[in-house]
Amino acid sequence: MSNRFLMWAKTWIEENIPPGANSDIESYEVKAKRLSEKLFAEAAAANFTNFETEEERERITPLVLAAVSDSKDFDIDAYHLKSQLARENEDGD
């Protein structure tokens, strides 16, 4: 295992995949695969060897998927809709 590569990849994920950044247009798996390929392309540009990147591919892919699947974003529109529905239900409408 390459700790240097793992630390670089975790930093890359934090900088490139903000929580809740996934739209409904692209599935989590598709976006994770696309971003994983981007990560590995940038790893080559950061002077990591093919051996290092291939060795860590199985460990990094789940980290990217977890970052893409993270939904910490607060959806204000959904909150307003739920609040409006709750008020209507309280009024007996």
N, C-alpha and C. Protein backbone atom coordinates (compact mmCIF):
# COMPACT_ATOMS: atom_id res chain seq x y z
N MET A 1 0.84 -1.17 0.00
CA MET A 1 0.00 0.00 0.00
C MET A 1 0.89 1.24 0.00
N SER A 2 0.49 2.23 -0.79
CA SER A 2 1.24 3.47 -0.88
C SER A 2 0.54 4.55 -0.04
N ASN A 3 1.08 4.81 1.14
CA ASN A 3 0.48 5.83 2.01
C ASN A 3 0.55 7.20 1.37
N ARG A 4 1.60 7.48 0.64
CA ARG A 4 1.74 8.76 -0.02
C ARG A 4 0.61 8.97 -1.03
N PHE A 5 0.31 7.92 -1.80
CA PHE A 5 -0.77 8.02 -2.78
C PHE A 5 -2.12 8.13 -2.07
N LEU A 6 -2.33 7.35 -1.04
CA LEU A 6 -3.59 7.37 -0.30
C LEU A 6 -3.86 8.76 0.28
N MET A 7 -2.85 9.39 0.87
CA MET A 7 -3.02 10.73 1.43
C MET A 7 -3.31 11.74 0.32
N TRP A 8 -2.63 11.62 -0.81
CA TRP A 8 -2.87 12.51 -1.93
C TRP A 8 -4.29 12.34 -2.44
N ALA A 9 -4.75 11.09 -2.56
CA ALA A 9 -6.10 10.81 -3.06
C ALA A 9 -7.17 11.35 -2.12
N LYS A 10 -6.99 11.20 -0.82
CA LYS A 10 -7.97 11.73 0.14
C LYS A 10 -8.06 13.25 0.04
N THR A 11 -6.93 13.90 -0.11
CA THR A 11 -6.92 15.36 -0.27
C THR A 11 -7.62 15.75 -1.57
N TRP A 12 -7.34 15.01 -2.65
CA TRP A 12 -7.98 15.28 -3.94
C TRP A 12 -9.49 15.15 -3.81
N ILE A 13 -9.96 14.11 -3.13
CA ILE A 13 -11.40 13.89 -2.96
C ILE A 13 -12.01 15.06 -2.19
N GLU A 14 -11.38 15.47 -1.11
CA GLU A 14 -11.90 16.59 -0.32
C GLU A 14 -11.97 17.88 -1.13
N GLU A 15 -10.99 18.11 -1.98
CA GLU A 15 -10.94 19.35 -2.75
C GLU A 15 -11.84 19.33 -3.99
N ASN A 16 -12.14 18.15 -4.52
CA ASN A 16 -12.85 18.06 -5.78
C ASN A 16 -14.28 17.54 -5.70
N ILE A 17 -14.68 17.00 -4.56
CA ILE A 17 -16.02 16.44 -4.45
C ILE A 17 -16.68 17.00 -3.20
N PRO A 18 -17.35 18.14 -3.32
CA PRO A 18 -18.01 18.70 -2.14
C PRO A 18 -19.23 17.86 -1.75
N PRO A 19 -19.58 17.84 -0.47
CA PRO A 19 -20.76 17.08 -0.03
C PRO A 19 -22.01 17.56 -0.75
N GLY A 20 -22.83 16.62 -1.15
CA GLY A 20 -24.09 16.96 -1.80
C GLY A 20 -23.94 17.52 -3.19
N ALA A 21 -22.83 17.31 -3.83
CA ALA A 21 -22.59 17.92 -5.14
C ALA A 21 -23.23 17.15 -6.29
N ASN A 22 -23.76 15.99 -6.04
CA ASN A 22 -24.29 15.18 -7.12
C ASN A 22 -25.70 15.61 -7.49
N SER A 23 -25.93 15.79 -8.76
CA SER A 23 -27.27 16.11 -9.23
C SER A 23 -28.01 14.81 -9.54
N ASP A 24 -29.30 14.93 -9.78
CA ASP A 24 -30.09 13.74 -10.10
C ASP A 24 -29.85 13.25 -11.52
N ILE A 25 -29.15 14.03 -12.32
CA ILE A 25 -28.93 13.68 -13.71
C ILE A 25 -28.00 12.48 -13.84
N GLU A 26 -27.04 12.39 -12.95
CA GLU A 26 -26.01 11.36 -13.05
C GLU A 26 -26.10 10.45 -11.81
N SER A 27 -26.10 9.14 -12.03
CA SER A 27 -26.15 8.23 -10.89
C SER A 27 -24.85 8.32 -10.09
N TYR A 28 -24.91 7.93 -8.84
CA TYR A 28 -23.73 7.97 -7.98
C TYR A 28 -22.60 7.14 -8.56
N GLU A 29 -22.93 5.95 -9.07
CA GLU A 29 -21.91 5.06 -9.59
C GLU A 29 -21.23 5.64 -10.83
N VAL A 30 -22.02 6.23 -11.71
CA VAL A 30 -21.48 6.82 -12.93
C VAL A 30 -20.58 8.00 -12.59
N LYS A 31 -21.04 8.86 -11.68
CA LYS A 31 -20.24 10.02 -11.30
C LYS A 31 -18.97 9.58 -10.59
N ALA A 32 -19.07 8.58 -9.72
CA ALA A 32 -17.89 8.08 -9.00
C ALA A 32 -16.88 7.51 -9.99
N LYS A 33 -17.35 6.78 -10.99
CA LYS A 33 -16.43 6.21 -11.98
C LYS A 33 -15.74 7.32 -12.76
N ARG A 34 -16.51 8.33 -13.18
CA ARG A 34 -15.94 9.45 -13.94
C ARG A 34 -14.90 10.19 -13.11
N LEU A 35 -15.23 10.49 -11.85
CA LEU A 35 -14.30 11.22 -11.00
C LEU A 35 -13.09 10.37 -10.61
N SER A 36 -13.28 9.07 -10.47
CA SER A 36 -12.15 8.18 -10.19
C SER A 36 -11.15 8.21 -11.33
N GLU A 37 -11.66 8.18 -12.56
CA GLU A 37 -10.77 8.24 -13.72
C GLU A 37 -10.04 9.57 -13.76
N LYS A 38 -10.74 10.65 -13.41
CA LYS A 38 -10.09 11.96 -13.36
C LYS A 38 -9.00 11.97 -12.29
N LEU A 39 -9.30 11.39 -11.12
CA LEU A 39 -8.33 11.31 -10.03
C LEU A 39 -7.08 10.56 -10.49
N PHE A 40 -7.26 9.41 -11.14
CA PHE A 40 -6.11 8.62 -11.56
C PHE A 40 -5.33 9.30 -12.69
N ALA A 41 -6.02 10.06 -13.54
CA ALA A 41 -5.31 10.82 -14.57
C ALA A 41 -4.46 11.92 -13.92
N GLU A 42 -5.01 12.58 -12.92
CA GLU A 42 -4.25 13.61 -12.22
C GLU A 42 -3.13 13.01 -11.38
N ALA A 43 -3.31 11.78 -10.92
CA ALA A 43 -2.25 11.10 -10.17
C ALA A 43 -1.02 10.89 -11.06
N ALA A 44 -1.27 10.56 -12.31
CA ALA A 44 -0.14 10.38 -13.24
C ALA A 44 0.58 11.71 -13.44
N ALA A 45 -0.19 12.80 -13.51
CA ALA A 45 0.42 14.12 -13.67
C ALA A 45 1.17 14.55 -12.40
N ALA A 46 0.79 13.96 -11.25
CA ALA A 46 1.45 14.27 -9.98
C ALA A 46 2.63 13.34 -9.71
N ASN A 47 3.06 12.64 -10.75
CA ASN A 47 4.24 11.77 -10.71
C ASN A 47 4.08 10.50 -9.88
N PHE A 48 2.86 9.98 -9.78
CA PHE A 48 2.68 8.66 -9.19
C PHE A 48 2.85 7.63 -10.29
N THR A 49 3.45 6.51 -9.97
CA THR A 49 3.69 5.47 -10.97
C THR A 49 2.40 4.70 -11.25
N ASN A 50 2.38 4.02 -12.39
CA ASN A 50 1.23 3.16 -12.71
C ASN A 50 1.06 2.09 -11.65
N PHE A 51 2.17 1.58 -11.12
CA PHE A 51 2.10 0.56 -10.08
C PHE A 51 1.38 1.09 -8.84
N GLU A 52 1.73 2.31 -8.42
CA GLU A 52 1.09 2.90 -7.25
C GLU A 52 -0.41 3.10 -7.47
N THR A 53 -0.78 3.64 -8.61
CA THR A 53 -2.20 3.91 -8.86
C THR A 53 -3.01 2.63 -9.00
N GLU A 54 -2.47 1.65 -9.71
CA GLU A 54 -3.20 0.39 -9.88
C GLU A 54 -3.32 -0.36 -8.56
N GLU A 55 -2.28 -0.28 -7.75
CA GLU A 55 -2.30 -0.95 -6.45
C GLU A 55 -3.39 -0.37 -5.55
N GLU A 56 -3.65 0.92 -5.65
CA GLU A 56 -4.61 1.59 -4.79
C GLU A 56 -6.00 1.74 -5.39
N ARG A 57 -6.17 1.34 -6.62
CA ARG A 57 -7.47 1.53 -7.30
C ARG A 57 -8.63 0.93 -6.51
N GLU A 58 -8.48 -0.27 -5.98
CA GLU A 58 -9.56 -0.91 -5.24
C GLU A 58 -9.88 -0.18 -3.93
N ARG A 59 -8.90 0.46 -3.33
CA ARG A 59 -9.13 1.18 -2.08
C ARG A 59 -9.71 2.57 -2.31
N ILE A 60 -9.35 3.19 -3.42
CA ILE A 60 -9.75 4.57 -3.69
C ILE A 60 -11.17 4.65 -4.23
N THR A 61 -11.56 3.73 -5.08
CA THR A 61 -12.87 3.77 -5.72
C THR A 61 -14.01 3.86 -4.69
N PRO A 62 -14.01 3.06 -3.61
CA PRO A 62 -15.08 3.21 -2.61
C PRO A 62 -15.05 4.57 -1.90
N LEU A 63 -13.86 5.16 -1.73
CA LEU A 63 -13.77 6.48 -1.11
C LEU A 63 -14.43 7.54 -2.00
N VAL A 64 -14.21 7.43 -3.30
CA VAL A 64 -14.81 8.38 -4.23
C VAL A 64 -16.33 8.18 -4.24
N LEU A 65 -16.79 6.94 -4.27
CA LEU A 65 -18.23 6.67 -4.25
C LEU A 65 -18.87 7.21 -2.97
N ALA A 66 -18.22 7.04 -1.84
CA ALA A 66 -18.76 7.56 -0.58
C ALA A 66 -18.84 9.08 -0.60
N ALA A 67 -17.83 9.72 -1.17
CA ALA A 67 -17.83 11.18 -1.24
C ALA A 67 -18.93 11.69 -2.16
N VAL A 68 -19.14 11.00 -3.27
CA VAL A 68 -20.18 11.40 -4.23
C VAL A 68 -21.57 11.15 -3.64
N SER A 69 -21.73 10.10 -2.87
CA SER A 69 -23.02 9.73 -2.31
C SER A 69 -23.41 10.55 -1.09
N ASP A 70 -22.46 11.30 -0.54
CA ASP A 70 -22.71 12.09 0.66
C ASP A 70 -23.72 13.19 0.34
N SER A 71 -24.79 13.24 1.10
CA SER A 71 -25.85 14.22 0.82
C SER A 71 -26.08 15.14 2.01
N LYS A 72 -25.05 15.86 2.39
CA LYS A 72 -25.16 16.76 3.53
C LYS A 72 -25.76 18.11 3.14
N ASP A 73 -26.02 18.31 1.86
CA ASP A 73 -26.59 19.57 1.42
C ASP A 73 -27.99 19.75 1.98
N PHE A 74 -28.32 20.96 2.34
CA PHE A 74 -29.64 21.27 2.85
C PHE A 74 -30.47 21.79 1.69
N ASP A 75 -31.57 21.13 1.40
CA ASP A 75 -32.43 21.52 0.29
C ASP A 75 -33.51 22.46 0.81
N ILE A 76 -33.31 23.75 0.62
CA ILE A 76 -34.24 24.75 1.15
C ILE A 76 -35.62 24.64 0.51
N ASP A 77 -35.67 24.30 -0.78
CA ASP A 77 -36.97 24.17 -1.46
C ASP A 77 -37.78 23.02 -0.87
N ALA A 78 -37.13 21.89 -0.61
CA ALA A 78 -37.83 20.76 0.01
C ALA A 78 -38.31 21.13 1.41
N TYR A 79 -37.52 21.89 2.14
CA TYR A 79 -37.90 22.33 3.48
C TYR A 79 -39.15 23.20 3.42
N HIS A 80 -39.17 24.17 2.50
CA HIS A 80 -40.34 25.05 2.36
C HIS A 80 -41.58 24.26 1.97
N LEU A 81 -41.43 23.32 1.05
CA LEU A 81 -42.56 22.51 0.62
C LEU A 81 -43.10 21.67 1.78
N LYS A 82 -42.21 21.05 2.54
CA LYS A 82 -42.64 20.24 3.68
C LYS A 82 -43.32 21.11 4.74
N SER A 83 -42.80 22.31 4.95
CA SER A 83 -43.41 23.23 5.92
C SER A 83 -44.80 23.64 5.47
N GLN A 84 -44.94 23.94 4.18
CA GLN A 84 -46.24 24.32 3.65
C GLN A 84 -47.24 23.18 3.77
N LEU A 85 -46.81 21.98 3.45
CA LEU A 85 -47.69 20.81 3.56
C LEU A 85 -48.09 20.56 5.03
N ALA A 86 -47.16 20.75 5.94
CA ALA A 86 -47.46 20.56 7.35
C ALA A 86 -48.49 21.59 7.82
N ARG A 87 -48.37 22.84 7.38
CA ARG A 87 -49.35 23.87 7.76
C ARG A 87 -50.71 23.54 7.19
N GLU A 88 -50.76 23.08 5.95
CA GLU A 88 -52.05 22.73 5.34
C GLU A 88 -52.71 21.57 6.07
N ASN A 89 -51.91 20.59 6.47
CA ASN A 89 -52.46 19.45 7.20
C ASN A 89 -52.97 19.86 8.57
N GLU A 90 -52.34 20.81 9.21
CA GLU A 90 -52.79 21.29 10.52
C GLU A 90 -54.11 22.04 10.40
N ASP A 91 -54.33 22.71 9.27
CA ASP A 91 -55.57 23.46 9.06
C ASP A 91 -56.73 22.57 8.70
N GLY A 92 -56.48 21.32 8.42
CA GLY A 92 -57.53 20.38 8.05
C GLY A 92 -57.91 20.44 6.60
N ASP A 93 -57.07 21.05 5.77
CA ASP A 93 -57.38 21.16 4.34
C ASP A 93 -57.19 19.86 3.65
